[in-house]
Amino acid sequence: MKFIKQQKLFIIGAIIGAVGGYAYYHFVGCVSGTCSITSKPVNSTLYGALMGGLFFSLFKSTNFKKNKNIKNEQEQ
């Protein structure tokens, strides 16, 4: 459960990206079949999920200074 809370933005982004990837395949796609990503729905969905997860994880706040100060106080 802790992992899910920590990775909440990545998971939400992956879900939204997967829906977007499949929608791109469905509405735009690749007529000739030579496009490596958009020629198959699985490829397009997985690529969308990865890109969505990475994009949403950019907004994760990290407080390195705060964590470092807490660690230093615990050591003393």
C-alpha atoms as a PDB file:
ATOM      1  CA  MET A   1       0.000   0.000   0.000  1.00  0.00           C
ATOM      2  CA  LYS A   2       2.904   2.340   0.748  1.00  0.00           C
ATOM      3  CA  PHE A   3       4.298   1.756  -2.754  1.00  0.00           C
ATOM      4  CA  ILE A   4       0.969   2.713  -4.340  1.00  0.00           C
ATOM      5  CA  LYS A   5       0.818   5.939  -2.330  1.00  0.00           C
ATOM      6  CA  GLN A   6       4.385   6.831  -3.299  1.00  0.00           C
ATOM      7  CA  GLN A   7       3.801   6.101  -6.993  1.00  0.00           C
ATOM      8  CA  LYS A   8       0.287   7.541  -7.209  1.00  0.00           C
ATOM      9  CA  LEU A   9       1.116  10.116  -9.892  1.00  0.00           C
ATOM     10  CA  PHE A  10       2.958   7.594 -12.056  1.00  0.00           C
ATOM     11  CA  ILE A  11       0.049   5.142 -11.879  1.00  0.00           C
ATOM     12  CA  ILE A  12      -2.537   7.804 -12.711  1.00  0.00           C
ATOM     13  CA  GLY A  13      -0.377   9.037 -15.575  1.00  0.00           C
ATOM     14  CA  ALA A  14       0.077   5.503 -16.880  1.00  0.00           C
ATOM     15  CA  ILE A  15      -3.675   4.908 -16.912  1.00  0.00           C
ATOM     16  CA  ILE A  16      -4.387   8.188 -18.686  1.00  0.00           C
ATOM     17  CA  GLY A  17      -1.518   7.561 -21.100  1.00  0.00           C
ATOM     18  CA  ALA A  18      -2.755   4.056 -21.888  1.00  0.00           C
ATOM     19  CA  VAL A  19      -6.211   5.397 -22.728  1.00  0.00           C
ATOM     20  CA  GLY A  20      -4.638   8.125 -24.832  1.00  0.00           C
ATOM     21  CA  GLY A  21      -2.355   5.651 -26.607  1.00  0.00           C
ATOM     22  CA  TYR A  22      -5.235   3.380 -27.495  1.00  0.00           C
ATOM     23  CA  ALA A  23      -7.319   6.350 -28.631  1.00  0.00           C
ATOM     24  CA  TYR A  24      -4.456   7.453 -30.876  1.00  0.00           C
ATOM     25  CA  TYR A  25      -4.283   3.949 -32.382  1.00  0.00           C
ATOM     26  CA  HIS A  26      -8.038   3.843 -32.879  1.00  0.00           C
ATOM     27  CA  PHE A  27      -8.534   7.292 -34.389  1.00  0.00           C
ATOM     28  CA  VAL A  28      -5.208   7.950 -36.151  1.00  0.00           C
ATOM     29  CA  GLY A  29      -3.365   4.625 -36.361  1.00  0.00           C
ATOM     30  CA  CYS A  30      -1.146   3.569 -39.193  1.00  0.00           C
ATOM     31  CA  VAL A  31      -2.719   2.525 -42.482  1.00  0.00           C
ATOM     32  CA  SER A  32       0.363   0.900 -44.034  1.00  0.00           C
ATOM     33  CA  GLY A  33       1.264  -1.167 -40.953  1.00  0.00           C
ATOM     34  CA  THR A  34       4.911  -0.097 -41.048  1.00  0.00           C
ATOM     35  CA  CYS A  35       4.695   2.214 -38.026  1.00  0.00           C
ATOM     36  CA  SER A  36       6.278   0.391 -35.104  1.00  0.00           C
ATOM     37  CA  ILE A  37       4.230   2.052 -32.361  1.00  0.00           C
ATOM     38  CA  THR A  38       0.852   2.785 -33.884  1.00  0.00           C
ATOM     39  CA  SER A  39       0.432  -0.315 -36.071  1.00  0.00           C
ATOM     40  CA  LYS A  40      -0.783  -2.487 -33.156  1.00  0.00           C
ATOM     41  CA  PRO A  41      -3.068  -1.501 -30.270  1.00  0.00           C
ATOM     42  CA  VAL A  42      -0.875  -3.181 -27.651  1.00  0.00           C
ATOM     43  CA  ASN A  43       2.228  -1.243 -28.711  1.00  0.00           C
ATOM     44  CA  SER A  44       0.373   2.046 -28.809  1.00  0.00           C
ATOM     45  CA  THR A  45      -1.266   1.451 -25.419  1.00  0.00           C
ATOM     46  CA  LEU A  46       1.967   0.453 -23.688  1.00  0.00           C
ATOM     47  CA  TYR A  47       3.875   3.369 -25.201  1.00  0.00           C
ATOM     48  CA  GLY A  48       1.138   5.768 -24.091  1.00  0.00           C
ATOM     49  CA  ALA A  49       1.176   4.294 -20.587  1.00  0.00           C
ATOM     50  CA  LEU A  50       4.936   4.691 -20.301  1.00  0.00           C
ATOM     51  CA  MET A  51       4.935   8.259 -21.599  1.00  0.00           C
ATOM     52  CA  GLY A  52       1.968   9.238 -19.415  1.00  0.00           C
ATOM     53  CA  GLY A  53       3.572   7.748 -16.319  1.00  0.00           C
ATOM     54  CA  LEU A  54       6.865   9.492 -16.951  1.00  0.00           C
ATOM     55  CA  PHE A  55       5.169  12.801 -17.675  1.00  0.00           C
ATOM     56  CA  PHE A  56       3.026  12.734 -14.529  1.00  0.00           C
ATOM     57  CA  SER A  57       5.986  11.697 -12.383  1.00  0.00           C
ATOM     58  CA  LEU A  58       7.632  15.017 -13.303  1.00  0.00           C
ATOM     59  CA  PHE A  59       5.168  16.717 -10.962  1.00  0.00           C
ATOM     60  CA  LYS A  60       6.146  14.655  -7.929  1.00  0.00           C
ATOM     61  CA  SER A  61       7.548  16.965  -5.273  1.00  0.00           C
ATOM     62  CA  THR A  62      10.738  15.933  -3.564  1.00  0.00           C
ATOM     63  CA  ASN A  63      12.032  17.717  -0.517  1.00  0.00           C
ATOM     64  CA  PHE A  64      15.683  16.741  -0.447  1.00  0.00           C
ATOM     65  CA  LYS A  65      16.622  19.515   1.977  1.00  0.00           C
ATOM     66  CA  LYS A  66      13.831  18.615   4.365  1.00  0.00           C
ATOM     67  CA  ASN A  67      14.732  14.912   4.311  1.00  0.00           C
ATOM     68  CA  LYS A  68      18.422  15.695   4.753  1.00  0.00           C
ATOM     69  CA  ASN A  69      17.710  17.922   7.770  1.00  0.00           C
ATOM     70  CA  ILE A  70      15.562  15.240   9.383  1.00  0.00           C
ATOM     71  CA  LYS A  71      18.278  12.647   8.843  1.00  0.00           C
ATOM     72  CA  ASN A  72      20.933  14.936  10.381  1.00  0.00           C
ATOM     73  CA  GLU A  73      18.742  15.612  13.423  1.00  0.00           C
ATOM     74  CA  GLN A  74      18.207  11.885  13.953  1.00  0.00           C
ATOM     75  CA  GLU A  75      21.947  11.205  13.868  1.00  0.00           C
ATOM     76  CA  GLN A  76      22.664  13.773  16.592  1.00  0.00           C
END
